[in-house]
C-alpha atoms as a PDB file:
ATOM      1  CA  MET A   1     -17.495 -51.305  -2.921  1.00  0.00           C
ATOM      2  CA  LYS A   2     -20.187 -51.044  -0.227  1.00  0.00           C
ATOM      3  CA  THR A   3     -20.067 -47.230  -0.398  1.00  0.00           C
ATOM      4  CA  PHE A   4     -20.499 -47.276  -4.170  1.00  0.00           C
ATOM      5  CA  TYR A   5     -23.471 -49.611  -3.860  1.00  0.00           C
ATOM      6  CA  ARG A   6     -25.052 -47.484  -1.120  1.00  0.00           C
ATOM      7  CA  ILE A   7     -24.836 -44.339  -3.216  1.00  0.00           C
ATOM      8  CA  PHE A   8     -25.587 -45.683  -6.670  1.00  0.00           C
ATOM      9  CA  GLY A   9     -27.619 -48.806  -6.017  1.00  0.00           C
ATOM     10  CA  GLY A  10     -30.308 -50.226  -3.839  1.00  0.00           C
ATOM     11  CA  LYS A  11     -32.671 -47.903  -1.980  1.00  0.00           C
ATOM     12  CA  ASN A  12     -30.643 -44.731  -2.692  1.00  0.00           C
ATOM     13  CA  ARG A  13     -30.959 -44.956  -6.446  1.00  0.00           C
ATOM     14  CA  LYS A  14     -33.354 -41.968  -6.679  1.00  0.00           C
ATOM     15  CA  ARG A  15     -31.045 -39.877  -4.518  1.00  0.00           C
ATOM     16  CA  ALA A  16     -28.076 -40.785  -6.704  1.00  0.00           C
ATOM     17  CA  LEU A  17     -29.985 -39.832  -9.868  1.00  0.00           C
ATOM     18  CA  MET A  18     -30.966 -36.475  -8.337  1.00  0.00           C
ATOM     19  CA  LEU A  19     -27.360 -35.847  -7.341  1.00  0.00           C
ATOM     20  CA  PHE A  20     -26.224 -36.679 -10.865  1.00  0.00           C
ATOM     21  CA  ALA A  21     -28.846 -34.310 -12.317  1.00  0.00           C
ATOM     22  CA  LEU A  22     -27.655 -31.482 -10.063  1.00  0.00           C
ATOM     23  CA  ILE A  23     -23.993 -32.045 -10.902  1.00  0.00           C
ATOM     24  CA  SER A  24     -24.650 -32.287 -14.625  1.00  0.00           C
ATOM     25  CA  THR A  25     -26.352 -28.860 -14.686  1.00  0.00           C
ATOM     26  CA  LEU A  26     -23.406 -26.953 -13.212  1.00  0.00           C
ATOM     27  CA  GLN A  27     -21.967 -24.434 -15.623  1.00  0.00           C
ATOM     28  CA  VAL A  28     -18.340 -23.470 -15.955  1.00  0.00           C
ATOM     29  CA  ALA A  29     -17.797 -19.734 -16.392  1.00  0.00           C
ATOM     30  CA  ALA A  30     -15.343 -18.605 -19.034  1.00  0.00           C
ATOM     31  CA  GLN A  31     -12.131 -17.023 -17.817  1.00  0.00           C
ATOM     32  CA  PRO A  32     -11.750 -13.343 -18.632  1.00  0.00           C
ATOM     33  CA  GLU A  33      -9.196 -12.161 -21.151  1.00  0.00           C
ATOM     34  CA  ALA A  34      -7.956  -8.574 -21.413  1.00  0.00           C
ATOM     35  CA  TRP A  35      -5.503  -6.563 -23.487  1.00  0.00           C
ATOM     36  CA  LEU A  36      -4.355  -2.945 -23.865  1.00  0.00           C
ATOM     37  CA  THR A  37      -4.595  -0.737 -26.941  1.00  0.00           C
ATOM     38  CA  LEU A  38      -3.416   2.827 -27.360  1.00  0.00           C
ATOM     39  CA  ALA A  39      -6.444   5.036 -27.993  1.00  0.00           C
ATOM     40  CA  GLY A  40      -4.607   8.364 -27.881  1.00  0.00           C
ATOM     41  CA  ASN A  41      -1.095   9.513 -28.752  1.00  0.00           C
ATOM     42  CA  ALA A  42       2.121   7.548 -28.387  1.00  0.00           C
ATOM     43  CA  SER A  43       3.891  10.706 -27.245  1.00  0.00           C
ATOM     44  CA  ILE A  44       2.505  13.419 -24.991  1.00  0.00           C
ATOM     45  CA  CYS A  45       3.641  16.903 -24.108  1.00  0.00           C
ATOM     46  CA  PRO A  46       3.938  17.869 -20.436  1.00  0.00           C
ATOM     47  CA  GLY A  47       0.516  18.657 -19.006  1.00  0.00           C
ATOM     48  CA  ASN A  48      -1.380  16.754 -21.714  1.00  0.00           C
ATOM     49  CA  ASN A  49      -3.161  13.422 -21.471  1.00  0.00           C
ATOM     50  CA  THR A  50      -3.537  10.336 -23.611  1.00  0.00           C
ATOM     51  CA  SER A  51      -5.845   7.350 -23.388  1.00  0.00           C
ATOM     52  CA  ILE A  52      -5.185   3.639 -23.144  1.00  0.00           C
ATOM     53  CA  GLN A  53      -8.038   1.211 -23.709  1.00  0.00           C
ATOM     54  CA  VAL A  54      -8.421  -2.020 -21.776  1.00  0.00           C
ATOM     55  CA  ASN A  55     -10.479  -4.460 -23.853  1.00  0.00           C
ATOM     56  CA  PHE A  56     -12.213  -7.447 -22.267  1.00  0.00           C
ATOM     57  CA  ASN A  57     -13.202 -10.725 -23.858  1.00  0.00           C
ATOM     58  CA  LEU A  58     -15.149 -13.380 -21.948  1.00  0.00           C
ATOM     59  CA  GLY A  59     -15.658 -13.324 -18.212  1.00  0.00           C
ATOM     60  CA  THR A  60     -18.344 -11.461 -16.287  1.00  0.00           C
ATOM     61  CA  PRO A  61     -18.095  -7.908 -14.924  1.00  0.00           C
ATOM     62  CA  PRO A  62     -17.263  -6.257 -12.688  1.00  0.00           C
ATOM     63  CA  PHE A  63     -13.626  -6.742 -13.651  1.00  0.00           C
ATOM     64  CA  ILE A  64     -10.490  -5.955 -11.695  1.00  0.00           C
ATOM     65  CA  ILE A  65      -7.279  -5.097 -13.530  1.00  0.00           C
ATOM     66  CA  VAL A  66      -3.732  -4.619 -12.339  1.00  0.00           C
ATOM     67  CA  TYR A  67      -1.316  -2.841 -14.643  1.00  0.00           C
ATOM     68  CA  SER A  68       2.274  -1.703 -14.335  1.00  0.00           C
ATOM     69  CA  ILE A  69       4.083   1.412 -15.454  1.00  0.00           C
ATOM     70  CA  ASP A  70       7.708   0.745 -16.402  1.00  0.00           C
ATOM     71  CA  GLY A  71       7.504  -2.660 -14.745  1.00  0.00           C
ATOM     72  CA  THR A  72       7.490  -1.316 -11.193  1.00  0.00           C
ATOM     73  CA  THR A  73       4.454   0.789 -10.352  1.00  0.00           C
ATOM     74  CA  LEU A  74       1.416  -1.448  -9.926  1.00  0.00           C
ATOM     75  CA  VAL A  75      -2.007   0.138 -10.227  1.00  0.00           C
ATOM     76  CA  THR A  76      -5.211  -1.733  -9.335  1.00  0.00           C
ATOM     77  CA  ILE A  77      -8.601  -0.667 -10.667  1.00  0.00           C
ATOM     78  CA  LYS A  78     -11.735  -2.375  -9.327  1.00  0.00           C
ATOM     79  CA  ASP A  79     -15.416  -2.452 -10.283  1.00  0.00           C
ATOM     80  CA  ILE A  80     -15.008  -2.072 -14.044  1.00  0.00           C
ATOM     81  CA  TYR A  81     -18.355  -2.532 -15.785  1.00  0.00           C
ATOM     82  CA  VAL A  82     -17.645  -0.925 -19.179  1.00  0.00           C
ATOM     83  CA  ASN A  83     -15.907  -2.476 -22.165  1.00  0.00           C
ATOM     84  CA  PRO A  84     -13.560  -1.072 -23.289  1.00  0.00           C
ATOM     85  CA  TYR A  85     -12.367   0.651 -20.139  1.00  0.00           C
ATOM     86  CA  VAL A  86     -10.309   3.821 -20.728  1.00  0.00           C
ATOM     87  CA  ILE A  87      -7.267   4.781 -18.660  1.00  0.00           C
ATOM     88  CA  THR A  88      -6.434   8.475 -19.034  1.00  0.00           C
ATOM     89  CA  THR A  89      -2.851   9.328 -18.150  1.00  0.00           C
ATOM     90  CA  SER A  90      -0.285  12.104 -18.379  1.00  0.00           C
ATOM     91  CA  THR A  91       2.558   9.869 -17.167  1.00  0.00           C
ATOM     92  CA  PRO A  92       5.024   8.640 -19.804  1.00  0.00           C
ATOM     93  CA  GLY A  93       6.177   5.035 -19.542  1.00  0.00           C
ATOM     94  CA  THR A  94       5.553   1.500 -20.658  1.00  0.00           C
ATOM     95  CA  TYR A  95       2.110   0.313 -19.579  1.00  0.00           C
ATOM     96  CA  ALA A  96       1.605  -3.434 -19.285  1.00  0.00           C
ATOM     97  CA  LEU A  97      -1.461  -5.329 -18.141  1.00  0.00           C
ATOM     98  CA  GLU A  98      -0.372  -7.700 -15.369  1.00  0.00           C
ATOM     99  CA  HIS A  99      -3.590  -9.335 -14.110  1.00  0.00           C
ATOM    100  CA  VAL A 100      -7.319  -9.454 -14.827  1.00  0.00           C
ATOM    101  CA  TYR A 101     -10.070 -10.927 -12.653  1.00  0.00           C
ATOM    102  CA  ASP A 102     -13.814 -11.160 -13.140  1.00  0.00           C
ATOM    103  CA  PHE A 103     -16.702 -10.767 -10.665  1.00  0.00           C
ATOM    104  CA  ASP A 104     -15.911 -13.818  -8.547  1.00  0.00           C
ATOM    105  CA  GLY A 105     -12.139 -13.390  -8.524  1.00  0.00           C
ATOM    106  CA  THR A 106     -11.497 -15.846 -11.337  1.00  0.00           C
ATOM    107  CA  PRO A 107      -8.093 -14.944 -12.788  1.00  0.00           C
ATOM    108  CA  GLY A 108      -7.884 -14.489 -16.513  1.00  0.00           C
ATOM    109  CA  THR A 109      -5.222 -14.085 -19.140  1.00  0.00           C
ATOM    110  CA  THR A 110      -3.623 -10.944 -20.456  1.00  0.00           C
ATOM    111  CA  THR A 111      -2.589 -10.785 -24.081  1.00  0.00           C
ATOM    112  CA  GLY A 112      -0.986  -8.311 -26.417  1.00  0.00           C
ATOM    113  CA  SER A 113       2.046  -6.094 -26.139  1.00  0.00           C
ATOM    114  CA  PRO A 114       2.668  -3.320 -23.619  1.00  0.00           C
ATOM    115  CA  VAL A 115       1.824   0.254 -24.647  1.00  0.00           C
ATOM    116  CA  ASN A 116       4.719   2.709 -24.732  1.00  0.00           C
ATOM    117  CA  ILE A 117       4.012   6.398 -24.125  1.00  0.00           C
ATOM    118  CA  THR A 118       6.858   8.892 -24.388  1.00  0.00           C
ATOM    119  CA  GLY A 119       6.957  12.395 -22.912  1.00  0.00           C
END
């Protein structure tokens, strides 16, 4: 009880009000959200490419994404400033977004279904 009184009462009242004012102005950043969409063809011939778009909602760039190909190969891309971000690939497989982070490393959510590209 003495600690409470020292902080919020008596001579330290101004200090407590300033502390409250500082705390009440803190802002909470929104967590990023990302999902994949197929921008090119669902099937590709050998030697050709297709595009997959990564769309971001909320959060603050630069973003970091981690995606998988067929559930095993993990690819990390850092310093993404554009929205949507385009992945160009000639590798068939099922592409799934595993993780998304914004500028300060805040993890976000991934939504949507994986993108399947056949060769």
